[in-house]
Amino acid sequence: MLALAACRSVTMPEPMTRTAIRTATPDDVPAILGLIRELARFEEAEDQVKATEDDLLRDGWGVSPKFEAMVAEMDGAVEGFTLFFHNYSTWEGRAGIHIEDLYVSEKTRGTGLGRKLVSAVAALAVERGCRRLDLSVLDWNPARGFYDALGFAHMDEWLHYRATGDDLNRLAAEGKGSVT
């Protein structure tokens, strides 16, 4: 009877959370697209997501890949991702990597998954001889403190510009046929 009472008072330890960062595969595309939509909701721009699973498959794993991706798993579930691609610095004379998106699900923020994703991309950049790791962040995003803590420098003197839609098409029409 004493042994039984002693057994009842023993509490079992909580199972350990398993995390992993790995290169994304085509099988991860539905989860990645779901996280892209979650990111867009966070940025109050969900209606701007036009990407489809087919787009991601073509441009990430097709004949001529345009990006690479890594996923963060917690207990086997994809809870975060980063999508990145090479850029080039004419001044450095070397390639760099630009992180287009880094996102960790709201429920797993603060667990270190974001830091692990950035660290994995940084390790890949160094392994490939890259001199820089770049990213952009919205001015209101509280993640700015996270990037500051990782050692990213906010570059006040650089302003981000973009041409899209009619403006891009107008510029393209001017340049059409001008390259020989």
Foldseek 3Di string as FASTA:
>chain_A
DVVVVVVVPDDDDDDDKDKDKDWDDLVCLVVVVVQVLVVCVVVVRNVPDPDDSVNCCCQCPNPHHAWTKMFMDINRHTFWMWIKHWDDDPVVRFIAMETEDTDGHPVCPPVCRSVVRVVVNVVVCVVRVHDDYHYDDDPPDPCVVVCVVVPDDDDVVDDDDDDDDPRVVVVVVVCPPVDD
